[in-house]
PDB file of N, CA and C in Angstrom:
ATOM      1  N   UNK A   1       0.848  -1.172   0.000  1.00  0.00           N
ATOM      2  CA  UNK A   1       0.000   0.000   0.000  1.00  0.00           C
ATOM      3  C   UNK A   1       0.898   1.242   0.000  1.00  0.00           C
ATOM      4  N   UNK A   2       0.646   2.141  -0.920  1.00  0.00           N
ATOM      5  CA  UNK A   2       1.416   3.378  -1.020  1.00  0.00           C
ATOM      6  C   UNK A   2       1.083   4.318   0.138  1.00  0.00           C
ATOM      7  N   UNK A   3       2.025   5.155   0.556  1.00  0.00           N
ATOM      8  CA  UNK A   3       1.783   6.031   1.707  1.00  0.00           C
ATOM      9  C   UNK A   3       0.542   6.921   1.567  1.00  0.00           C
ATOM     10  N   UNK A   4       0.318   7.469   0.378  1.00  0.00           N
ATOM     11  CA  UNK A   4      -0.865   8.322   0.186  1.00  0.00           C
ATOM     12  C   UNK A   4      -2.147   7.521   0.397  1.00  0.00           C
ATOM     13  N   UNK A   5      -2.202   6.317  -0.172  1.00  0.00           N
ATOM     14  CA  UNK A   5      -3.373   5.452   0.016  1.00  0.00           C
ATOM     15  C   UNK A   5      -3.560   5.093   1.487  1.00  0.00           C
ATOM     16  N   UNK A   6      -2.457   4.820   2.166  1.00  0.00           N
ATOM     17  CA  UNK A   6      -2.512   4.484   3.585  1.00  0.00           C
ATOM     18  C   UNK A   6      -3.057   5.656   4.393  1.00  0.00           C
ATOM     19  N   UNK A   7      -2.599   6.862   4.101  1.00  0.00           N
ATOM     20  CA  UNK A   7      -3.075   8.047   4.816  1.00  0.00           C
ATOM     21  C   UNK A   7      -4.576   8.236   4.619  1.00  0.00           C
ATOM     22  N   UNK A   8      -5.036   8.096   3.388  1.00  0.00           N
ATOM     23  CA  UNK A   8      -6.467   8.245   3.107  1.00  0.00           C
ATOM     24  C   UNK A   8      -7.257   7.152   3.804  1.00  0.00           C
ATOM     25  N   UNK A   9      -6.768   5.911   3.770  1.00  0.00           N
ATOM     26  CA  UNK A   9      -7.452   4.810   4.462  1.00  0.00           C
ATOM     27  C   UNK A   9      -7.549   5.070   5.959  1.00  0.00           C
ATOM     28  N   UNK A  10      -6.478   5.575   6.549  1.00  0.00           N
ATOM     29  CA  UNK A  10      -6.493   5.884   7.986  1.00  0.00           C
ATOM     30  C   UNK A  10      -7.573   6.908   8.307  1.00  0.00           C
ATOM     31  N   UNK A  11      -7.649   7.963   7.511  1.00  0.00           N
ATOM     32  CA  UNK A  11      -8.663   8.996   7.742  1.00  0.00           C
ATOM     33  C   UNK A  11     -10.070   8.423   7.576  1.00  0.00           C
ATOM     34  N   UNK A  12     -10.271   7.617   6.552  1.00  0.00           N
ATOM     35  CA  UNK A  12     -11.595   7.029   6.323  1.00  0.00           C
ATOM     36  C   UNK A  12     -11.988   6.085   7.456  1.00  0.00           C
ATOM     37  N   UNK A  13     -11.036   5.287   7.941  1.00  0.00           N
ATOM     38  CA  UNK A  13     -11.328   4.386   9.056  1.00  0.00           C
ATOM     39  C   UNK A  13     -11.628   5.164  10.329  1.00  0.00           C
ATOM     40  N   UNK A  14     -10.973   6.287  10.520  1.00  0.00           N
ATOM     41  CA  UNK A  14     -11.280   7.147  11.671  1.00  0.00           C
ATOM     42  C   UNK A  14     -12.697   7.698  11.548  1.00  0.00           C
ATOM     43  N   UNK A  15     -13.061   8.110  10.348  1.00  0.00           N
ATOM     44  CA  UNK A  15     -14.410   8.638  10.128  1.00  0.00           C
ATOM     45  C   UNK A  15     -15.479   7.574  10.338  1.00  0.00           C
ATOM     46  N   UNK A  16     -15.133   6.311  10.094  1.00  0.00           N
ATOM     47  CA  UNK A  16     -16.081   5.217  10.349  1.00  0.00           C
ATOM     48  C   UNK A  16     -16.517   5.183  11.809  1.00  0.00           C
ATOM     49  N   UNK A  17     -15.672   5.688  12.699  1.00  0.00           N
ATOM     50  CA  UNK A  17     -15.994   5.748  14.135  1.00  0.00           C
ATOM     51  C   UNK A  17     -16.369   7.165  14.562  1.00  0.00           C
ATOM     52  N   UNK A  18     -16.824   7.956  13.585  1.00  0.00           N
ATOM     53  CA  UNK A  18     -17.341   9.311  13.858  1.00  0.00           C
ATOM     54  C   UNK A  18     -16.275  10.289  14.340  1.00  0.00           C
ATOM     55  N   UNK A  19     -15.029  10.099  13.898  1.00  0.00           N
ATOM     56  CA  UNK A  19     -13.992  11.090  14.191  1.00  0.00           C
ATOM     57  C   UNK A  19     -14.384  12.414  13.547  1.00  0.00           C
ATOM     58  N   UNK A  20     -13.878  13.500  14.116  1.00  0.00           N
ATOM     59  CA  UNK A  20     -14.228  14.841  13.655  1.00  0.00           C
ATOM     60  C   UNK A  20     -13.031  15.532  13.007  1.00  0.00           C
ATOM     61  N   UNK A  21     -13.333  16.448  12.101  1.00  0.00           N
ATOM     62  CA  UNK A  21     -12.333  17.359  11.520  1.00  0.00           C
ATOM     63  C   UNK A  21     -11.088  16.662  10.972  1.00  0.00           C
ATOM     64  N   UNK A  22     -11.259  15.743  10.014  1.00  0.00           N
ATOM     65  CA  UNK A  22     -10.081  15.054   9.478  1.00  0.00           C
ATOM     66  C   UNK A  22      -9.205  15.985   8.632  1.00  0.00           C
ATOM     67  N   UNK A  23      -7.913  15.858   8.820  1.00  0.00           N
ATOM     68  CA  UNK A  23      -6.932  16.609   8.037  1.00  0.00           C
ATOM     69  C   UNK A  23      -5.803  15.650   7.675  1.00  0.00           C
ATOM     70  N   UNK A  24      -5.402  15.686   6.406  1.00  0.00           N
ATOM     71  CA  UNK A  24      -4.240  14.911   5.967  1.00  0.00           C
ATOM     72  C   UNK A  24      -3.226  15.901   5.413  1.00  0.00           C
ATOM     73  N   UNK A  25      -2.048  15.923   6.005  1.00  0.00           N
ATOM     74  CA  UNK A  25      -0.980  16.817   5.572  1.00  0.00           C
ATOM     75  C   UNK A  25       0.126  16.014   4.896  1.00  0.00           C
ATOM     76  N   UNK A  26       0.547  16.467   3.720  1.00  0.00           N
ATOM     77  CA  UNK A  26       1.670  15.842   3.026  1.00  0.00           C
ATOM     78  C   UNK A  26       2.935  16.590   3.436  1.00  0.00           C
ATOM     79  N   UNK A  27       3.756  15.937   4.241  1.00  0.00           N
ATOM     80  CA  UNK A  27       4.956  16.579   4.783  1.00  0.00           C
ATOM     81  C   UNK A  27       6.250  16.004   4.207  1.00  0.00           C
ATOM     82  N   UNK A  28       6.136  15.170   3.177  1.00  0.00           N
ATOM     83  CA  UNK A  28       7.337  14.658   2.506  1.00  0.00           C
ATOM     84  C   UNK A  28       8.136  15.857   2.011  1.00  0.00           C
ATOM     85  N   UNK A  29       9.416  15.870   2.266  1.00  0.00           N
ATOM     86  CA  UNK A  29      10.258  17.002   1.896  1.00  0.00           C
ATOM     87  C   UNK A  29      10.359  18.054   2.990  1.00  0.00           C
ATOM     88  N   UNK A  30       9.405  18.052   3.912  1.00  0.00           N
ATOM     89  CA  UNK A  30       9.436  18.974   5.052  1.00  0.00           C
ATOM     90  C   UNK A  30       9.874  18.257   6.323  1.00  0.00           C
ATOM     91  N   UNK A  31       9.662  16.939   6.358  1.00  0.00           N
ATOM     92  CA  UNK A  31       9.968  16.139   7.539  1.00  0.00           C
ATOM     93  C   UNK A  31      10.800  14.932   7.140  1.00  0.00           C
ATOM     94  N   UNK A  32      11.766  14.605   7.962  1.00  0.00           N
ATOM     95  CA  UNK A  32      12.538  13.386   7.723  1.00  0.00           C
ATOM     96  C   UNK A  32      11.905  12.192   8.432  1.00  0.00           C
ATOM     97  N   UNK A  33      10.854  12.440   9.223  1.00  0.00           N
ATOM     98  CA  UNK A  33      10.225  11.371  10.004  1.00  0.00           C
ATOM     99  C   UNK A  33       9.133  10.629   9.256  1.00  0.00           C
ATOM    100  N   UNK A  34       8.367  11.335   8.432  1.00  0.00           N
ATOM    101  CA  UNK A  34       7.191  10.736   7.820  1.00  0.00           C
ATOM    102  C   UNK A  34       6.828  11.493   6.555  1.00  0.00           C
ATOM    103  N   UNK A  35       5.953  10.907   5.741  1.00  0.00           N
ATOM    104  CA  UNK A  35       5.486  11.563   4.516  1.00  0.00           C
ATOM    105  C   UNK A  35       4.118  12.212   4.688  1.00  0.00           C
ATOM    106  N   UNK A  36       3.266  11.593   5.520  1.00  0.00           N
ATOM    107  CA  UNK A  36       1.902  12.095   5.715  1.00  0.00           C
ATOM    108  C   UNK A  36       1.559  12.107   7.195  1.00  0.00           C
ATOM    109  N   UNK A  37       0.814  13.138   7.589  1.00  0.00           N
ATOM    110  CA  UNK A  37       0.281  13.229   8.943  1.00  0.00           C
ATOM    111  C   UNK A  37      -1.232  13.287   8.831  1.00  0.00           C
ATOM    112  N   UNK A  38      -1.896  12.358   9.499  1.00  0.00           N
ATOM    113  CA  UNK A  38      -3.360  12.334   9.551  1.00  0.00           C
ATOM    114  C   UNK A  38      -3.758  12.818  10.936  1.00  0.00           C
ATOM    115  N   UNK A  39      -4.636  13.816  10.977  1.00  0.00           N
ATOM    116  CA  UNK A  39      -5.076  14.390  12.246  1.00  0.00           C
ATOM    117  C   UNK A  39      -6.594  14.344  12.298  1.00  0.00           C
ATOM    118  N   UNK A  40      -7.129  13.765  13.376  1.00  0.00           N
ATOM    119  CA  UNK A  40      -8.575  13.743  13.602  1.00  0.00           C
ATOM    120  C   UNK A  40      -8.834  14.011  15.074  1.00  0.00           C
ATOM    121  N   UNK A  41     -10.086  14.322  15.386  1.00  0.00           N
ATOM    122  CA  UNK A  41     -10.471  14.569  16.776  1.00  0.00           C
ATOM    123  C   UNK A  41     -11.531  13.580  17.220  1.00  0.00           C
ATOM    124  N   UNK A  42     -11.507  13.296  18.528  1.00  0.00           N
ATOM    125  CA  UNK A  42     -12.550  12.526  19.190  1.00  0.00           C
ATOM    126  C   UNK A  42     -13.107  13.368  20.327  1.00  0.00           C
ATOM    127  N   UNK A  43     -14.295  13.042  20.785  1.00  0.00           N
ATOM    128  CA  UNK A  43     -14.991  13.897  21.749  1.00  0.00           C
ATOM    129  C   UNK A  43     -14.704  13.574  23.209  1.00  0.00           C
ATOM    130  N   UNK A  44     -14.099  12.422  23.484  1.00  0.00           N
ATOM    131  CA  UNK A  44     -13.838  11.995  24.865  1.00  0.00           C
ATOM    132  C   UNK A  44     -12.684  10.998  24.857  1.00  0.00           C
ATOM    133  N   UNK A  45     -12.226  10.613  26.057  1.00  0.00           N
ATOM    134  CA  UNK A  45     -11.167   9.595  26.146  1.00  0.00           C
ATOM    135  C   UNK A  45     -11.571   8.335  25.390  1.00  0.00           C
ATOM    136  N   UNK A  46     -12.773   7.855  25.681  1.00  0.00           N
ATOM    137  CA  UNK A  46     -13.227   6.603  25.046  1.00  0.00           C
ATOM    138  C   UNK A  46     -13.376   6.745  23.538  1.00  0.00           C
ATOM    139  N   UNK A  47     -13.860   7.904  23.090  1.00  0.00           N
ATOM    140  CA  UNK A  47     -14.016   8.108  21.652  1.00  0.00           C
ATOM    141  C   UNK A  47     -12.654   8.126  20.960  1.00  0.00           C
ATOM    142  N   UNK A  48     -11.689   8.835  21.527  1.00  0.00           N
ATOM    143  CA  UNK A  48     -10.333   8.861  20.966  1.00  0.00           C
ATOM    144  C   UNK A  48      -9.771   7.440  20.901  1.00  0.00           C
ATOM    145  N   UNK A  49      -9.928   6.680  21.967  1.00  0.00           N
ATOM    146  CA  UNK A  49      -9.435   5.298  21.998  1.00  0.00           C
ATOM    147  C   UNK A  49     -10.137   4.439  20.950  1.00  0.00           C
ATOM    148  N   UNK A  50     -11.461   4.594  20.811  1.00  0.00           N
ATOM    149  CA  UNK A  50     -12.221   3.796  19.841  1.00  0.00           C
ATOM    150  C   UNK A  50     -11.812   4.125  18.410  1.00  0.00           C
ATOM    151  N   UNK A  51     -11.606   5.398  18.121  1.00  0.00           N
ATOM    152  CA  UNK A  51     -11.172   5.800  16.780  1.00  0.00           C
ATOM    153  C   UNK A  51      -9.804   5.193  16.472  1.00  0.00           C
ATOM    154  N   UNK A  52      -8.854   5.351  17.377  1.00  0.00           N
ATOM    155  CA  UNK A  52      -7.502   4.825  17.162  1.00  0.00           C
ATOM    156  C   UNK A  52      -7.515   3.304  17.031  1.00  0.00           C
ATOM    157  N   UNK A  53      -8.282   2.651  17.873  1.00  0.00           N
ATOM    158  CA  UNK A  53      -8.351   1.188  17.828  1.00  0.00           C
ATOM    159  C   UNK A  53      -8.963   0.711  16.515  1.00  0.00           C
ATOM    160  N   UNK A  54      -9.973   1.417  16.013  1.00  0.00           N
ATOM    161  CA  UNK A  54     -10.580   1.034  14.743  1.00  0.00           C
ATOM    162  C   UNK A  54      -9.571   1.147  13.604  1.00  0.00           C
ATOM    163  N   UNK A  55      -8.813   2.221  13.574  1.00  0.00           N
ATOM    164  CA  UNK A  55      -7.790   2.373  12.538  1.00  0.00           C
ATOM    165  C   UNK A  55      -6.783   1.230  12.643  1.00  0.00           C
ATOM    166  N   UNK A  56      -6.297   0.961  13.833  1.00  0.00           N
ATOM    167  CA  UNK A  56      -5.286  -0.083  14.044  1.00  0.00           C
ATOM    168  C   UNK A  56      -5.792  -1.458  13.621  1.00  0.00           C
ATOM    169  N   UNK A  57      -6.971  -1.831  14.107  1.00  0.00           N
ATOM    170  CA  UNK A  57      -7.516  -3.169  13.853  1.00  0.00           C
ATOM    171  C   UNK A  57      -7.896  -3.350  12.386  1.00  0.00           C
ATOM    172  N   UNK A  58      -8.582  -2.368  11.814  1.00  0.00           N
ATOM    173  CA  UNK A  58      -9.051  -2.511  10.432  1.00  0.00           C
ATOM    174  C   UNK A  58      -7.901  -2.512   9.426  1.00  0.00           C
ATOM    175  N   UNK A  59      -6.871  -1.710   9.650  1.00  0.00           N
ATOM    176  CA  UNK A  59      -5.722  -1.753   8.740  1.00  0.00           C
ATOM    177  C   UNK A  59      -5.038  -3.109   8.794  1.00  0.00           C
ATOM    178  N   UNK A  60      -4.951  -3.669   9.981  1.00  0.00           N
ATOM    179  CA  UNK A  60      -4.343  -4.994  10.127  1.00  0.00           C
ATOM    180  C   UNK A  60      -5.190  -6.051   9.421  1.00  0.00           C
ATOM    181  N   UNK A  61      -6.502  -6.025   9.643  1.00  0.00           N
ATOM    182  CA  UNK A  61      -7.378  -7.045   9.067  1.00  0.00           C
ATOM    183  C   UNK A  61      -7.517  -6.911   7.553  1.00  0.00           C
ATOM    184  N   UNK A  62      -7.676  -5.700   7.069  1.00  0.00           N
ATOM    185  CA  UNK A  62      -7.933  -5.487   5.639  1.00  0.00           C
ATOM    186  C   UNK A  62      -6.665  -5.518   4.789  1.00  0.00           C
ATOM    187  N   UNK A  63      -5.558  -5.013   5.336  1.00  0.00           N
ATOM    188  CA  UNK A  63      -4.354  -4.828   4.519  1.00  0.00           C
ATOM    189  C   UNK A  63      -3.099  -5.460   5.113  1.00  0.00           C
ATOM    190  N   UNK A  64      -3.211  -6.069   6.291  1.00  0.00           N
ATOM    191  CA  UNK A  64      -2.047  -6.665   6.928  1.00  0.00           C
ATOM    192  C   UNK A  64      -1.020  -5.645   7.391  1.00  0.00           C
ATOM    193  N   UNK A  65      -1.454  -4.409   7.596  1.00  0.00           N
ATOM    194  CA  UNK A  65      -0.552  -3.324   7.993  1.00  0.00           C
ATOM    195  C   UNK A  65      -0.655  -3.115   9.497  1.00  0.00           C
ATOM    196  N   UNK A  66       0.493  -3.162  10.159  1.00  0.00           N
ATOM    197  CA  UNK A  66       0.547  -2.956  11.615  1.00  0.00           C
ATOM    198  C   UNK A  66       1.356  -1.699  11.921  1.00  0.00           C
ATOM    199  N   UNK A  67       0.974  -0.978  12.975  1.00  0.00           N
ATOM    200  CA  UNK A  67       1.767   0.202  13.334  1.00  0.00           C
ATOM    201  C   UNK A  67       3.128  -0.202  13.896  1.00  0.00           C
ATOM    202  N   UNK A  68       4.113   0.647  13.676  1.00  0.00           N
ATOM    203  CA  UNK A  68       5.429   0.444  14.276  1.00  0.00           C
ATOM    204  C   UNK A  68       5.379   0.731  15.766  1.00  0.00           C
ATOM    205  N   UNK A  69       4.504   1.671  16.150  1.00  0.00           N
ATOM    206  CA  UNK A  69       4.353   2.044  17.561  1.00  0.00           C
ATOM    207  C   UNK A  69       2.976   2.664  17.770  1.00  0.00           C
ATOM    208  N   UNK A  70       2.468   2.512  18.991  1.00  0.00           N
ATOM    209  CA  UNK A  70       1.215   3.143  19.415  1.00  0.00           C
ATOM    210  C   UNK A  70       1.502   3.812  20.752  1.00  0.00           C
ATOM    211  N   UNK A  71       1.167   5.085  20.863  1.00  0.00           N
ATOM    212  CA  UNK A  71       1.398   5.837  22.099  1.00  0.00           C
ATOM    213  C   UNK A  71       0.112   6.517  22.536  1.00  0.00           C
ATOM    214  N   UNK A  72      -0.130   6.562  23.835  1.00  0.00           N
ATOM    215  CA  UNK A  72      -1.231   7.330  24.394  1.00  0.00           C
ATOM    216  C   UNK A  72      -2.559   6.624  24.510  1.00  0.00           C
ATOM    217  N   UNK A  73      -2.614   5.345  24.175  1.00  0.00           N
ATOM    218  CA  UNK A  73      -3.892   4.628  24.178  1.00  0.00           C
ATOM    219  C   UNK A  73      -4.494   4.565  25.577  1.00  0.00           C
ATOM    220  N   UNK A  74      -3.678   4.434  26.612  1.00  0.00           N
ATOM    221  CA  UNK A  74      -4.203   4.326  27.977  1.00  0.00           C
ATOM    222  C   UNK A  74      -4.902   5.601  28.428  1.00  0.00           C
ATOM    223  N   UNK A  75      -4.343   6.755  28.084  1.00  0.00           N
ATOM    224  CA  UNK A  75      -4.914   8.025  28.536  1.00  0.00           C
ATOM    225  C   UNK A  75      -6.096   8.458  27.675  1.00  0.00           C
ATOM    226  N   UNK A  76      -5.983   8.297  26.365  1.00  0.00           N
ATOM    227  CA  UNK A  76      -7.075   8.640  25.468  1.00  0.00           C
ATOM    228  C   UNK A  76      -7.243  10.125  25.193  1.00  0.00           C
ATOM    229  N   UNK A  77      -6.253  10.933  25.511  1.00  0.00           N
ATOM    230  CA  UNK A  77      -6.341  12.363  25.186  1.00  0.00           C
ATOM    231  C   UNK A  77      -5.677  12.643  23.835  1.00  0.00           C
ATOM    232  N   UNK A  78      -4.610  11.902  23.548  1.00  0.00           N
ATOM    233  CA  UNK A  78      -3.891  12.015  22.281  1.00  0.00           C
ATOM    234  C   UNK A  78      -3.283  10.647  22.012  1.00  0.00           C
ATOM    235  N   UNK A  79      -3.735  10.001  20.958  1.00  0.00           N
ATOM    236  CA  UNK A  79      -3.172   8.709  20.569  1.00  0.00           C
ATOM    237  C   UNK A  79      -2.415   8.902  19.260  1.00  0.00           C
ATOM    238  N   UNK A  80      -1.204   8.375  19.225  1.00  0.00           N
ATOM    239  CA  UNK A  80      -0.376   8.400  18.026  1.00  0.00           C
ATOM    240  C   UNK A  80      -0.215   6.975  17.522  1.00  0.00           C
ATOM    241  N   UNK A  81      -0.560   6.772  16.258  1.00  0.00           N
ATOM    242  CA  UNK A  81      -0.308   5.509  15.563  1.00  0.00           C
ATOM    243  C   UNK A  81       0.788   5.798  14.536  1.00  0.00           C
ATOM    244  N   UNK A  82       1.929   5.160  14.690  1.00  0.00           N
ATOM    245  CA  UNK A  82       3.081   5.399  13.822  1.00  0.00           C
ATOM    246  C   UNK A  82       3.187   4.265  12.811  1.00  0.00           C
ATOM    247  N   UNK A  83       2.888   4.591  11.548  1.00  0.00           N
ATOM    248  CA  UNK A  83       3.012   3.627  10.464  1.00  0.00           C
ATOM    249  C   UNK A  83       4.237   3.930   9.595  1.00  0.00           C
ATOM    250  N   UNK A  84       5.210   4.629  10.141  1.00  0.00           N
ATOM    251  CA  UNK A  84       6.418   4.966   9.390  1.00  0.00           C
ATOM    252  C   UNK A  84       6.168   6.132   8.454  1.00  0.00           C
ATOM    253  N   UNK A  85       5.744   5.845   7.245  1.00  0.00           N
ATOM    254  CA  UNK A  85       5.504   6.896   6.254  1.00  0.00           C
ATOM    255  C   UNK A  85       4.222   7.672   6.524  1.00  0.00           C
ATOM    256  N   UNK A  86       3.401   7.167   7.443  1.00  0.00           N
ATOM    257  CA  UNK A  86       2.151   7.837   7.834  1.00  0.00           C
ATOM    258  C   UNK A  86       2.065   7.832   9.354  1.00  0.00           C
ATOM    259  N   UNK A  87       1.781   9.001   9.916  1.00  0.00           N
ATOM    260  CA  UNK A  87       1.538   9.112  11.358  1.00  0.00           C
ATOM    261  C   UNK A  87       0.111   9.590  11.558  1.00  0.00           C
ATOM    262  N   UNK A  88      -0.609   8.883  12.420  1.00  0.00           N
ATOM    263  CA  UNK A  88      -2.007   9.216  12.699  1.00  0.00           C
ATOM    264  C   UNK A  88      -2.089   9.760  14.118  1.00  0.00           C
ATOM    265  N   UNK A  89      -2.651  10.958  14.243  1.00  0.00           N
ATOM    266  CA  UNK A  89      -2.852  11.603  15.543  1.00  0.00           C
ATOM    267  C   UNK A  89      -4.351  11.699  15.793  1.00  0.00           C
ATOM    268  N   UNK A  90      -4.810  11.122  16.892  1.00  0.00           N
ATOM    269  CA  UNK A  90      -6.212  11.227  17.300  1.00  0.00           C
ATOM    270  C   UNK A  90      -6.220  12.022  18.597  1.00  0.00           C
ATOM    271  N   UNK A  91      -6.803  13.201  18.543  1.00  0.00           N
ATOM    272  CA  UNK A  91      -6.765  14.143  19.659  1.00  0.00           C
ATOM    273  C   UNK A  91      -8.147  14.395  20.236  1.00  0.00           C
ATOM    274  N   UNK A  92      -8.192  14.752  21.508  1.00  0.00           N
ATOM    275  CA  UNK A  92      -9.351  15.466  22.017  1.00  0.00           C
ATOM    276  C   UNK A  92      -9.191  16.911  21.544  1.00  0.00           C
ATOM    277  N   UNK A  93     -10.300  17.630  21.304  1.00  0.00           N
ATOM    278  CA  UNK A  93     -10.208  18.962  20.688  1.00  0.00           C
ATOM    279  C   UNK A  93      -9.281  19.942  21.408  1.00  0.00           C
ATOM    280  N   UNK A  94      -9.314  19.982  22.738  1.00  0.00           N
ATOM    281  CA  UNK A  94      -8.472  20.953  23.447  1.00  0.00           C
ATOM    282  C   UNK A  94      -6.990  20.610  23.316  1.00  0.00           C
ATOM    283  N   UNK A  95      -6.670  19.329  23.242  1.00  0.00           N
ATOM    284  CA  UNK A  95      -5.274  18.906  23.063  1.00  0.00           C
ATOM    285  C   UNK A  95      -4.824  19.231  21.638  1.00  0.00           C
ATOM    286  N   UNK A  96      -5.709  19.015  20.681  1.00  0.00           N
ATOM    287  CA  UNK A  96      -5.398  19.349  19.291  1.00  0.00           C
ATOM    288  C   UNK A  96      -5.118  20.847  19.137  1.00  0.00           C
ATOM    289  N   UNK A  97      -5.946  21.675  19.759  1.00  0.00           N
ATOM    290  CA  UNK A  97      -5.725  23.127  19.697  1.00  0.00           C
ATOM    291  C   UNK A  97      -4.395  23.505  20.348  1.00  0.00           C
ATOM    292  N   UNK A  98      -4.084  22.886  21.481  1.00  0.00           N
ATOM    293  CA  UNK A  98      -2.854  23.206  22.207  1.00  0.00           C
ATOM    294  C   UNK A  98      -1.609  22.907  21.365  1.00  0.00           C
ATOM    295  N   UNK A  99      -1.558  21.726  20.762  1.00  0.00           N
ATOM    296  CA  UNK A  99      -0.365  21.337  20.000  1.00  0.00           C
ATOM    297  C   UNK A  99      -0.353  21.903  18.586  1.00  0.00           C
ATOM    298  N   UNK A 100      -1.515  22.209  18.030  1.00  0.00           N
ATOM    299  CA  UNK A 100      -1.657  22.899  16.744  1.00  0.00           C
ATOM    300  C   UNK A 100      -0.717  22.351  15.666  1.00  0.00           C
ATOM    301  N   UNK A 101      -0.824  21.057  15.394  1.00  0.00           N
ATOM    302  CA  UNK A 101       0.032  20.460  14.367  1.00  0.00           C
ATOM    303  C   UNK A 101      -0.222  21.067  12.996  1.00  0.00           C
ATOM    304  N   UNK A 102      -1.479  21.450  12.730  1.00  0.00           N
ATOM    305  CA  UNK A 102      -1.777  22.092  11.446  1.00  0.00           C
ATOM    306  C   UNK A 102      -0.986  23.394  11.305  1.00  0.00           C
ATOM    307  N   UNK A 103      -0.868  24.157  12.383  1.00  0.00           N
ATOM    308  CA  UNK A 103      -0.081  25.389  12.351  1.00  0.00           C
ATOM    309  C   UNK A 103       1.407  25.107  12.235  1.00  0.00           C
ATOM    310  N   UNK A 104       1.864  24.094  12.952  1.00  0.00           N
ATOM    311  CA  UNK A 104       3.272  23.709  12.905  1.00  0.00           C
ATOM    312  C   UNK A 104       3.689  23.307  11.491  1.00  0.00           C
ATOM    313  N   UNK A 105       2.796  22.624  10.793  1.00  0.00           N
ATOM    314  CA  UNK A 105       3.066  22.144   9.441  1.00  0.00           C
ATOM    315  C   UNK A 105       2.296  22.967   8.411  1.00  0.00           C
ATOM    316  N   UNK A 106       2.201  24.281   8.613  1.00  0.00           N
ATOM    317  CA  UNK A 106       1.401  25.139   7.726  1.00  0.00           C
ATOM    318  C   UNK A 106       1.939  25.178   6.289  1.00  0.00           C
ATOM    319  N   UNK A 107       3.194  24.825   6.090  1.00  0.00           N
ATOM    320  CA  UNK A 107       3.767  24.793   4.740  1.00  0.00           C
ATOM    321  C   UNK A 107       3.382  23.523   3.979  1.00  0.00           C
ATOM    322  N   UNK A 108       2.816  22.560   4.663  1.00  0.00           N
ATOM    323  CA  UNK A 108       2.467  21.285   4.034  1.00  0.00           C
ATOM    324  C   UNK A 108       1.220  21.434   3.169  1.00  0.00           C
ATOM    325  N   UNK A 109       1.150  20.614   2.130  1.00  0.00           N
ATOM    326  CA  UNK A 109      -0.064  20.534   1.318  1.00  0.00           C
ATOM    327  C   UNK A 109      -1.081  19.681   2.057  1.00  0.00           C
ATOM    328  N   UNK A 110      -2.343  20.071   1.960  1.00  0.00           N
ATOM    329  CA  UNK A 110      -3.414  19.295   2.577  1.00  0.00           C
ATOM    330  C   UNK A 110      -4.094  18.461   1.505  1.00  0.00           C
ATOM    331  N   UNK A 111      -4.248  17.167   1.781  1.00  0.00           N
ATOM    332  CA  UNK A 111      -4.942  16.276   0.857  1.00  0.00           C
ATOM    333  C   UNK A 111      -6.431  16.313   1.139  1.00  0.00           C
ATOM    334  N   UNK A 112      -7.206  16.311   0.086  1.00  0.00           N
ATOM    335  CA  UNK A 112      -8.655  16.220   0.244  1.00  0.00           C
ATOM    336  C   UNK A 112      -9.038  14.751   0.309  1.00  0.00           C
ATOM    337  N   UNK A 113      -9.977  14.447   1.180  1.00  0.00           N
ATOM    338  CA  UNK A 113     -10.502  13.084   1.232  1.00  0.00           C
ATOM    339  C   UNK A 113     -11.434  12.876   0.053  1.00  0.00           C
ATOM    340  N   UNK A 114     -11.424  11.681  -0.551  1.00  0.00           N
ATOM    341  CA  UNK A 114     -12.370  11.413  -1.627  1.00  0.00           C
ATOM    342  C   UNK A 114     -13.801  11.537  -1.109  1.00  0.00           C
ATOM    343  N   UNK A 115     -14.668  12.075  -1.935  1.00  0.00           N
ATOM    344  CA  UNK A 115     -16.082  12.188  -1.552  1.00  0.00           C
ATOM    345  C   UNK A 115     -16.678  10.797  -1.440  1.00  0.00           C
ATOM    346  N   UNK A 116     -17.509  10.622  -0.433  1.00  0.00           N
ATOM    347  CA  UNK A 116     -18.173   9.338  -0.246  1.00  0.00           C
ATOM    348  C   UNK A 116     -19.668   9.538  -0.326  1.00  0.00           C
ATOM    349  N   UNK A 117     -20.340   8.539  -0.815  1.00  0.00           N
ATOM    350  CA  UNK A 117     -21.796   8.571  -0.901  1.00  0.00           C
ATOM    351  C   UNK A 117     -22.383   8.283   0.461  1.00  0.00           C
ATOM    352  N   UNK A 118     -23.395   9.053   0.875  1.00  0.00           N
ATOM    353  CA  UNK A 118     -24.043   8.747   2.153  1.00  0.00           C
ATOM    354  C   UNK A 118     -24.687   7.367   2.123  1.00  0.00           C
ATOM    355  N   UNK A 119     -24.588   6.666   3.242  1.00  0.00           N
ATOM    356  CA  UNK A 119     -25.211   5.337   3.337  1.00  0.00           C
ATOM    357  C   UNK A 119     -26.721   5.489   3.372  1.00  0.00           C
ATOM    358  N   UNK A 120     -27.416   4.513   2.822  1.00  0.00           N
ATOM    359  CA  UNK A 120     -28.864   4.535   2.931  1.00  0.00           C
ATOM    360  C   UNK A 120     -29.456   4.536   1.640  1.00  0.00           C
TER     361      UNK A 120
END
């Protein structure tokens, strides 16, 4: 799976669990750590944990992709899933505002998520 496809899949899987405000930043050339940063929000500790767990489990089941590291799952305020070329950040809104990764990476291009048809 190519990094761009992986980033989009991560965002879509987060949205499957009602994550809010998805952002995908292309930081290749700006960062030596990763190519894409996926940022989403959850409304509570449990919601953040559920979103992160859904991304982790579904990527493993559907594509055989496992994170290199997972941080913050116990607290549920900010969970980081490190897939090497893609990093997924699931934040509670106040933590997201505090760290302002979008501002930190303001030079990065933002990827648009593909439009999806509403279910029903």
